[in-house]
Amino acid sequence: HGKNDDWNSLYYPGEAALGLLYLAEMEEQNNNMDKKTKWMSVATKALLYLERYRRTEELEDIEPDHWALLATAKLLPMLEEYYENN
């Protein structure tokens, strides 16, 4: 037995990105904008990883990813607010 590199989770990156965005929201409530920006950046990188990983697949072959959709829906308004204020 050992590590199996043949298997990749379809959903973990999107789920992790969503969790990171919840952390960003918590940091905003604590007025820690530097950490909020950090978590938003890491979440963005996770979602961009999914995009790069799936880029070469045919659209109909890409499995629906509920977690990535939720994370994207949360991230886009946060990025819009960030760029309006900076």
PDB file of N, CA and C in Angstrom:
ATOM      1  N   HIS A   1       0.838  -1.183   0.000  1.00  0.00           N
ATOM      2  CA  HIS A   1       0.000   0.000   0.000  1.00  0.00           C
ATOM      3  C   HIS A   1       0.877   1.237   0.000  1.00  0.00           C
ATOM      4  N   GLY A   2       0.284   2.333  -0.309  1.00  0.00           N
ATOM      5  CA  GLY A   2       1.005   3.602  -0.341  1.00  0.00           C
ATOM      6  C   GLY A   2       0.174   4.643  -1.044  1.00  0.00           C
ATOM      7  N   LYS A   3       0.789   5.742  -1.333  1.00  0.00           N
ATOM      8  CA  LYS A   3       0.107   6.843  -1.994  1.00  0.00           C
ATOM      9  C   LYS A   3      -0.269   6.445  -3.412  1.00  0.00           C
ATOM     10  N   ASN A   4      -1.493   6.742  -3.803  1.00  0.00           N
ATOM     11  CA  ASN A   4      -1.980   6.451  -5.147  1.00  0.00           C
ATOM     12  C   ASN A   4      -2.089   7.762  -5.919  1.00  0.00           C
ATOM     13  N   ASP A   5      -1.137   8.017  -6.801  1.00  0.00           N
ATOM     14  CA  ASP A   5      -1.131   9.247  -7.589  1.00  0.00           C
ATOM     15  C   ASP A   5      -2.013   9.156  -8.831  1.00  0.00           C
ATOM     16  N   ASP A   6      -2.639   8.011  -9.064  1.00  0.00           N
ATOM     17  CA  ASP A   6      -3.487   7.846 -10.241  1.00  0.00           C
ATOM     18  C   ASP A   6      -4.861   8.472 -10.059  1.00  0.00           C
ATOM     19  N   TRP A   7      -5.226   8.784  -8.827  1.00  0.00           N
ATOM     20  CA  TRP A   7      -6.567   9.275  -8.534  1.00  0.00           C
ATOM     21  C   TRP A   7      -6.520  10.751  -8.179  1.00  0.00           C
ATOM     22  N   ASN A   8      -7.408  11.544  -8.773  1.00  0.00           N
ATOM     23  CA  ASN A   8      -7.559  12.957  -8.440  1.00  0.00           C
ATOM     24  C   ASN A   8      -9.003  13.210  -8.065  1.00  0.00           C
ATOM     25  N   SER A   9      -9.197  13.948  -6.985  1.00  0.00           N
ATOM     26  CA  SER A   9     -10.550  14.300  -6.593  1.00  0.00           C
ATOM     27  C   SER A   9     -11.074  15.402  -7.500  1.00  0.00           C
ATOM     28  N   LEU A  10     -12.273  15.228  -7.982  1.00  0.00           N
ATOM     29  CA  LEU A  10     -12.911  16.238  -8.796  1.00  0.00           C
ATOM     30  C   LEU A  10     -13.372  17.408  -7.941  1.00  0.00           C
ATOM     31  N   TYR A  11     -13.723  17.149  -6.702  1.00  0.00           N
ATOM     32  CA  TYR A  11     -14.427  18.155  -5.907  1.00  0.00           C
ATOM     33  C   TYR A  11     -13.588  18.828  -4.834  1.00  0.00           C
ATOM     34  N   TYR A  12     -12.536  18.208  -4.353  1.00  0.00           N
ATOM     35  CA  TYR A  12     -11.770  18.785  -3.238  1.00  0.00           C
ATOM     36  C   TYR A  12     -11.250  20.190  -3.505  1.00  0.00           C
ATOM     37  N   PRO A  13     -10.691  20.498  -4.680  1.00  0.00           N
ATOM     38  CA  PRO A  13     -10.186  21.863  -4.890  1.00  0.00           C
ATOM     39  C   PRO A  13     -11.276  22.932  -4.782  1.00  0.00           C
ATOM     40  N   GLY A  14     -12.445  22.682  -5.327  1.00  0.00           N
ATOM     41  CA  GLY A  14     -13.550  23.642  -5.229  1.00  0.00           C
ATOM     42  C   GLY A  14     -14.050  23.777  -3.804  1.00  0.00           C
ATOM     43  N   GLU A  15     -14.129  22.660  -3.100  1.00  0.00           N
ATOM     44  CA  GLU A  15     -14.561  22.682  -1.703  1.00  0.00           C
ATOM     45  C   GLU A  15     -13.545  23.449  -0.855  1.00  0.00           C
ATOM     46  N   ALA A  16     -12.265  23.222  -1.105  1.00  0.00           N
ATOM     47  CA  ALA A  16     -11.222  23.934  -0.374  1.00  0.00           C
ATOM     48  C   ALA A  16     -11.284  25.432  -0.678  1.00  0.00           C
ATOM     49  N   ALA A  17     -11.502  25.794  -1.940  1.00  0.00           N
ATOM     50  CA  ALA A  17     -11.602  27.209  -2.311  1.00  0.00           C
ATOM     51  C   ALA A  17     -12.751  27.882  -1.574  1.00  0.00           C
ATOM     52  N   LEU A  18     -13.878  27.204  -1.479  1.00  0.00           N
ATOM     53  CA  LEU A  18     -15.019  27.768  -0.762  1.00  0.00           C
ATOM     54  C   LEU A  18     -14.689  27.961   0.715  1.00  0.00           C
ATOM     55  N   GLY A  19     -14.035  26.992   1.319  1.00  0.00           N
ATOM     56  CA  GLY A  19     -13.627  27.124   2.717  1.00  0.00           C
ATOM     57  C   GLY A  19     -12.673  28.294   2.913  1.00  0.00           C
ATOM     58  N   LEU A  20     -11.763  28.498   1.981  1.00  0.00           N
ATOM     59  CA  LEU A  20     -10.834  29.619   2.071  1.00  0.00           C
ATOM     60  C   LEU A  20     -11.562  30.959   1.966  1.00  0.00           C
ATOM     61  N   LEU A  21     -12.609  30.991   1.165  1.00  0.00           N
ATOM     62  CA  LEU A  21     -13.382  32.233   1.042  1.00  0.00           C
ATOM     63  C   LEU A  21     -14.176  32.515   2.307  1.00  0.00           C
ATOM     64  N   TYR A  22     -14.623  31.473   2.992  1.00  0.00           N
ATOM     65  CA  TYR A  22     -15.261  31.689   4.298  1.00  0.00           C
ATOM     66  C   TYR A  22     -14.244  32.228   5.295  1.00  0.00           C
ATOM     67  N   LEU A  23     -13.013  31.747   5.225  1.00  0.00           N
ATOM     68  CA  LEU A  23     -11.950  32.310   6.069  1.00  0.00           C
ATOM     69  C   LEU A  23     -11.736  33.788   5.744  1.00  0.00           C
ATOM     70  N   ALA A  24     -11.753  34.127   4.468  1.00  0.00           N
ATOM     71  CA  ALA A  24     -11.588  35.526   4.053  1.00  0.00           C
ATOM     72  C   ALA A  24     -12.693  36.392   4.648  1.00  0.00           C
ATOM     73  N   GLU A  25     -13.911  35.895   4.626  1.00  0.00           N
ATOM     74  CA  GLU A  25     -15.022  36.645   5.223  1.00  0.00           C
ATOM     75  C   GLU A  25     -14.825  36.842   6.719  1.00  0.00           C
ATOM     76  N   MET A  26     -14.338  35.822   7.389  1.00  0.00           N
ATOM     77  CA  MET A  26     -14.083  35.933   8.826  1.00  0.00           C
ATOM     78  C   MET A  26     -13.006  36.973   9.107  1.00  0.00           C
ATOM     79  N   GLU A  27     -11.967  36.999   8.285  1.00  0.00           N
ATOM     80  CA  GLU A  27     -10.899  37.978   8.472  1.00  0.00           C
ATOM     81  C   GLU A  27     -11.422  39.399   8.261  1.00  0.00           C
ATOM     82  N   GLU A  28     -12.346  39.552   7.323  1.00  0.00           N
ATOM     83  CA  GLU A  28     -12.940  40.870   7.096  1.00  0.00           C
ATOM     84  C   GLU A  28     -13.715  41.311   8.332  1.00  0.00           C
ATOM     85  N   GLN A  29     -14.446  40.395   8.952  1.00  0.00           N
ATOM     86  CA  GLN A  29     -15.187  40.721  10.166  1.00  0.00           C
ATOM     87  C   GLN A  29     -14.248  41.114  11.301  1.00  0.00           C
ATOM     88  N   ASN A  30     -13.032  40.583  11.279  1.00  0.00           N
ATOM     89  CA  ASN A  30     -12.021  40.913  12.288  1.00  0.00           C
ATOM     90  C   ASN A  30     -11.154  42.094  11.868  1.00  0.00           C
ATOM     91  N   ASN A  31     -11.544  42.756  10.767  1.00  0.00           N
ATOM     92  CA  ASN A  31     -10.799  43.902  10.226  1.00  0.00           C
ATOM     93  C   ASN A  31      -9.350  43.567   9.893  1.00  0.00           C
ATOM     94  N   ASN A  32      -9.109  42.350   9.464  1.00  0.00           N
ATOM     95  CA  ASN A  32      -7.768  41.939   9.059  1.00  0.00           C
ATOM     96  C   ASN A  32      -7.770  41.768   7.539  1.00  0.00           C
ATOM     97  N   MET A  33      -7.650  42.891   6.842  1.00  0.00           N
ATOM     98  CA  MET A  33      -7.789  42.874   5.388  1.00  0.00           C
ATOM     99  C   MET A  33      -6.612  42.199   4.690  1.00  0.00           C
ATOM    100  N   ASP A  34      -5.426  42.227   5.316  1.00  0.00           N
ATOM    101  CA  ASP A  34      -4.283  41.541   4.702  1.00  0.00           C
ATOM    102  C   ASP A  34      -4.532  40.038   4.617  1.00  0.00           C
ATOM    103  N   LYS A  35      -5.050  39.465   5.697  1.00  0.00           N
ATOM    104  CA  LYS A  35      -5.348  38.025   5.675  1.00  0.00           C
ATOM    105  C   LYS A  35      -6.517  37.722   4.760  1.00  0.00           C
ATOM    106  N   LYS A  36      -7.500  38.615   4.708  1.00  0.00           N
ATOM    107  CA  LYS A  36      -8.623  38.408   3.786  1.00  0.00           C
ATOM    108  C   LYS A  36      -8.095  38.305   2.360  1.00  0.00           C
ATOM    109  N   THR A  37      -7.216  39.243   1.992  1.00  0.00           N
ATOM    110  CA  THR A  37      -6.647  39.241   0.651  1.00  0.00           C
ATOM    111  C   THR A  37      -5.853  37.971   0.397  1.00  0.00           C
ATOM    112  N   LYS A  38      -5.124  37.504   1.401  1.00  0.00           N
ATOM    113  CA  LYS A  38      -4.341  36.265   1.264  1.00  0.00           C
ATOM    114  C   LYS A  38      -5.255  35.081   0.962  1.00  0.00           C
ATOM    115  N   TRP A  39      -6.332  34.934   1.735  1.00  0.00           N
ATOM    116  CA  TRP A  39      -7.230  33.788   1.525  1.00  0.00           C
ATOM    117  C   TRP A  39      -7.929  33.887   0.173  1.00  0.00           C
ATOM    118  N   MET A  40      -8.297  35.097  -0.232  1.00  0.00           N
ATOM    119  CA  MET A  40      -8.910  35.269  -1.553  1.00  0.00           C
ATOM    120  C   MET A  40      -7.939  34.856  -2.657  1.00  0.00           C
ATOM    121  N   SER A  41      -6.675  35.212  -2.493  1.00  0.00           N
ATOM    122  CA  SER A  41      -5.655  34.861  -3.485  1.00  0.00           C
ATOM    123  C   SER A  41      -5.484  33.356  -3.598  1.00  0.00           C
ATOM    124  N   VAL A  42      -5.417  32.674  -2.467  1.00  0.00           N
ATOM    125  CA  VAL A  42      -5.235  31.218  -2.489  1.00  0.00           C
ATOM    126  C   VAL A  42      -6.469  30.543  -3.093  1.00  0.00           C
ATOM    127  N   ALA A  43      -7.668  31.035  -2.759  1.00  0.00           N
ATOM    128  CA  ALA A  43      -8.897  30.472  -3.332  1.00  0.00           C
ATOM    129  C   ALA A  43      -8.922  30.673  -4.841  1.00  0.00           C
ATOM    130  N   THR A  44      -8.490  31.847  -5.290  1.00  0.00           N
ATOM    131  CA  THR A  44      -8.435  32.126  -6.726  1.00  0.00           C
ATOM    132  C   THR A  44      -7.490  31.148  -7.414  1.00  0.00           C
ATOM    133  N   LYS A  45      -6.345  30.897  -6.807  1.00  0.00           N
ATOM    134  CA  LYS A  45      -5.387  29.955  -7.383  1.00  0.00           C
ATOM    135  C   LYS A  45      -5.980  28.542  -7.469  1.00  0.00           C
ATOM    136  N   ALA A  46      -6.744  28.141  -6.469  1.00  0.00           N
ATOM    137  CA  ALA A  46      -7.378  26.813  -6.502  1.00  0.00           C
ATOM    138  C   ALA A  46      -8.358  26.709  -7.665  1.00  0.00           C
ATOM    139  N   LEU A  47      -9.148  27.754  -7.864  1.00  0.00           N
ATOM    140  CA  LEU A  47     -10.113  27.732  -8.965  1.00  0.00           C
ATOM    141  C   LEU A  47      -9.420  27.804 -10.319  1.00  0.00           C
ATOM    142  N   LEU A  48      -8.338  28.563 -10.397  1.00  0.00           N
ATOM    143  CA  LEU A  48      -7.579  28.605 -11.653  1.00  0.00           C
ATOM    144  C   LEU A  48      -6.907  27.264 -11.945  1.00  0.00           C
ATOM    145  N   TYR A  49      -6.507  26.544 -10.904  1.00  0.00           N
ATOM    146  CA  TYR A  49      -5.964  25.190 -11.093  1.00  0.00           C
ATOM    147  C   TYR A  49      -7.017  24.310 -11.764  1.00  0.00           C
ATOM    148  N   LEU A  50      -8.254  24.382 -11.272  1.00  0.00           N
ATOM    149  CA  LEU A  50      -9.323  23.576 -11.872  1.00  0.00           C
ATOM    150  C   LEU A  50      -9.516  23.947 -13.338  1.00  0.00           C
ATOM    151  N   GLU A  51      -9.451  25.229 -13.629  1.00  0.00           N
ATOM    152  CA  GLU A  51      -9.614  25.670 -15.021  1.00  0.00           C
ATOM    153  C   GLU A  51      -8.504  25.093 -15.887  1.00  0.00           C
ATOM    154  N   ARG A  52      -7.268  25.187 -15.422  1.00  0.00           N
ATOM    155  CA  ARG A  52      -6.139  24.651 -16.208  1.00  0.00           C
ATOM    156  C   ARG A  52      -6.247  23.135 -16.364  1.00  0.00           C
ATOM    157  N   TYR A  53      -6.645  22.449 -15.301  1.00  0.00           N
ATOM    158  CA  TYR A  53      -6.754  20.994 -15.311  1.00  0.00           C
ATOM    159  C   TYR A  53      -7.818  20.535 -16.310  1.00  0.00           C
ATOM    160  N   ARG A  54      -8.888  21.312 -16.424  1.00  0.00           N
ATOM    161  CA  ARG A  54     -10.026  20.922 -17.269  1.00  0.00           C
ATOM    162  C   ARG A  54     -10.005  21.570 -18.650  1.00  0.00           C
ATOM    163  N   ARG A  55      -9.064  22.422 -18.909  1.00  0.00           N
ATOM    164  CA  ARG A  55      -9.031  23.229 -20.135  1.00  0.00           C
ATOM    165  C   ARG A  55      -9.098  22.393 -21.408  1.00  0.00           C
ATOM    166  N   THR A  56      -8.443  21.260 -21.424  1.00  0.00           N
ATOM    167  CA  THR A  56      -8.362  20.478 -22.657  1.00  0.00           C
ATOM    168  C   THR A  56      -9.526  19.510 -22.835  1.00  0.00           C
ATOM    169  N   GLU A  57     -10.398  19.425 -21.842  1.00  0.00           N
ATOM    170  CA  GLU A  57     -11.542  18.516 -21.944  1.00  0.00           C
ATOM    171  C   GLU A  57     -12.663  19.146 -22.764  1.00  0.00           C
ATOM    172  N   GLU A  58     -13.407  18.311 -23.429  1.00  0.00           N
ATOM    173  CA  GLU A  58     -14.607  18.780 -24.115  1.00  0.00           C
ATOM    174  C   GLU A  58     -15.627  19.208 -23.067  1.00  0.00           C
ATOM    175  N   LEU A  59     -16.384  20.239 -23.364  1.00  0.00           N
ATOM    176  CA  LEU A  59     -17.328  20.794 -22.394  1.00  0.00           C
ATOM    177  C   LEU A  59     -18.292  19.738 -21.846  1.00  0.00           C
ATOM    178  N   GLU A  60     -18.778  18.886 -22.723  1.00  0.00           N
ATOM    179  CA  GLU A  60     -19.741  17.870 -22.270  1.00  0.00           C
ATOM    180  C   GLU A  60     -19.081  16.778 -21.418  1.00  0.00           C
ATOM    181  N   ASP A  61     -17.760  16.701 -21.421  1.00  0.00           N
ATOM    182  CA  ASP A  61     -17.042  15.705 -20.618  1.00  0.00           C
ATOM    183  C   ASP A  61     -16.680  16.207 -19.225  1.00  0.00           C
ATOM    184  N   ILE A  62     -16.859  17.501 -18.978  1.00  0.00           N
ATOM    185  CA  ILE A  62     -16.522  18.062 -17.667  1.00  0.00           C
ATOM    186  C   ILE A  62     -17.695  17.817 -16.722  1.00  0.00           C
ATOM    187  N   GLU A  63     -17.397  17.135 -15.622  1.00  0.00           N
ATOM    188  CA  GLU A  63     -18.435  16.842 -14.634  1.00  0.00           C
ATOM    189  C   GLU A  63     -18.875  18.129 -13.942  1.00  0.00           C
ATOM    190  N   PRO A  64     -20.163  18.266 -13.639  1.00  0.00           N
ATOM    191  CA  PRO A  64     -20.611  19.433 -12.879  1.00  0.00           C
ATOM    192  C   PRO A  64     -19.913  19.467 -11.515  1.00  0.00           C
ATOM    193  N   ASP A  65     -19.409  20.615 -11.153  1.00  0.00           N
ATOM    194  CA  ASP A  65     -18.669  20.762  -9.903  1.00  0.00           C
ATOM    195  C   ASP A  65     -19.368  21.805  -9.036  1.00  0.00           C
ATOM    196  N   HIS A  66     -20.260  21.339  -8.196  1.00  0.00           N
ATOM    197  CA  HIS A  66     -21.066  22.193  -7.332  1.00  0.00           C
ATOM    198  C   HIS A  66     -20.187  23.072  -6.446  1.00  0.00           C
ATOM    199  N   TRP A  67     -19.128  22.498  -5.879  1.00  0.00           N
ATOM    200  CA  TRP A  67     -18.258  23.251  -4.967  1.00  0.00           C
ATOM    201  C   TRP A  67     -17.552  24.386  -5.692  1.00  0.00           C
ATOM    202  N   ALA A  68     -17.044  24.121  -6.874  1.00  0.00           N
ATOM    203  CA  ALA A  68     -16.354  25.168  -7.633  1.00  0.00           C
ATOM    204  C   ALA A  68     -17.331  26.270  -8.045  1.00  0.00           C
ATOM    205  N   LEU A  69     -18.546  25.890  -8.365  1.00  0.00           N
ATOM    206  CA  LEU A  69     -19.547  26.896  -8.718  1.00  0.00           C
ATOM    207  C   LEU A  69     -19.892  27.771  -7.520  1.00  0.00           C
ATOM    208  N   LEU A  70     -20.062  27.149  -6.353  1.00  0.00           N
ATOM    209  CA  LEU A  70     -20.339  27.934  -5.145  1.00  0.00           C
ATOM    210  C   LEU A  70     -19.173  28.864  -4.815  1.00  0.00           C
ATOM    211  N   ALA A  71     -17.954  28.359  -4.933  1.00  0.00           N
ATOM    212  CA  ALA A  71     -16.777  29.175  -4.639  1.00  0.00           C
ATOM    213  C   ALA A  71     -16.665  30.332  -5.628  1.00  0.00           C
ATOM    214  N   THR A  72     -16.913  30.073  -6.892  1.00  0.00           N
ATOM    215  CA  THR A  72     -16.844  31.126  -7.904  1.00  0.00           C
ATOM    216  C   THR A  72     -17.905  32.187  -7.637  1.00  0.00           C
ATOM    217  N   ALA A  73     -19.108  31.760  -7.292  1.00  0.00           N
ATOM    218  CA  ALA A  73     -20.189  32.706  -6.996  1.00  0.00           C
ATOM    219  C   ALA A  73     -19.852  33.575  -5.786  1.00  0.00           C
ATOM    220  N   LYS A  74     -19.130  33.039  -4.825  1.00  0.00           N
ATOM    221  CA  LYS A  74     -18.724  33.813  -3.656  1.00  0.00           C
ATOM    222  C   LYS A  74     -17.528  34.703  -3.985  1.00  0.00           C
ATOM    223  N   LEU A  75     -16.607  34.212  -4.792  1.00  0.00           N
ATOM    224  CA  LEU A  75     -15.379  34.942  -5.079  1.00  0.00           C
ATOM    225  C   LEU A  75     -15.602  36.163  -5.962  1.00  0.00           C
ATOM    226  N   LEU A  76     -16.413  36.049  -6.994  1.00  0.00           N
ATOM    227  CA  LEU A  76     -16.538  37.147  -7.953  1.00  0.00           C
ATOM    228  C   LEU A  76     -16.977  38.461  -7.315  1.00  0.00           C
ATOM    229  N   PRO A  77     -18.004  38.492  -6.455  1.00  0.00           N
ATOM    230  CA  PRO A  77     -18.352  39.766  -5.803  1.00  0.00           C
ATOM    231  C   PRO A  77     -17.252  40.266  -4.866  1.00  0.00           C
ATOM    232  N   MET A  78     -16.526  39.346  -4.232  1.00  0.00           N
ATOM    233  CA  MET A  78     -15.428  39.751  -3.360  1.00  0.00           C
ATOM    234  C   MET A  78     -14.323  40.420  -4.169  1.00  0.00           C
ATOM    235  N   LEU A  79     -14.009  39.863  -5.336  1.00  0.00           N
ATOM    236  CA  LEU A  79     -12.984  40.458  -6.202  1.00  0.00           C
ATOM    237  C   LEU A  79     -13.454  41.817  -6.739  1.00  0.00           C
ATOM    238  N   GLU A  80     -14.713  41.904  -7.112  1.00  0.00           N
ATOM    239  CA  GLU A  80     -15.244  43.164  -7.596  1.00  0.00           C
ATOM    240  C   GLU A  80     -15.108  44.248  -6.521  1.00  0.00           C
ATOM    241  N   GLU A  81     -15.475  43.921  -5.297  1.00  0.00           N
ATOM    242  CA  GLU A  81     -15.358  44.871  -4.191  1.00  0.00           C
ATOM    243  C   GLU A  81     -13.895  45.244  -3.947  1.00  0.00           C
ATOM    244  N   TYR A  82     -13.024  44.242  -4.005  1.00  0.00           N
ATOM    245  CA  TYR A  82     -11.596  44.486  -3.789  1.00  0.00           C
ATOM    246  C   TYR A  82     -11.052  45.479  -4.811  1.00  0.00           C
ATOM    247  N   TYR A  83     -11.359  45.257  -6.086  1.00  0.00           N
ATOM    248  CA  TYR A  83     -10.821  46.119  -7.137  1.00  0.00           C
ATOM    249  C   TYR A  83     -11.465  47.504  -7.146  1.00  0.00           C
ATOM    250  N   GLU A  84     -12.692  47.611  -6.674  1.00  0.00           N
ATOM    251  CA  GLU A  84     -13.326  48.934  -6.557  1.00  0.00           C
ATOM    252  C   GLU A  84     -12.678  49.758  -5.450  1.00  0.00           C
ATOM    253  N   ASN A  85     -12.181  49.103  -4.410  1.00  0.00           N
ATOM    254  CA  ASN A  85     -11.622  49.803  -3.244  1.00  0.00           C
ATOM    255  C   ASN A  85     -10.111  49.926  -3.272  1.00  0.00           C
ATOM    256  N   ASN A  86      -9.450  49.339  -4.234  1.00  0.00           N
ATOM    257  CA  ASN A  86      -7.969  49.397  -4.279  1.00  0.00           C
ATOM    258  C   ASN A  86      -7.455  49.930  -5.587  1.00  0.00           C
TER     259      ASN A  86
END
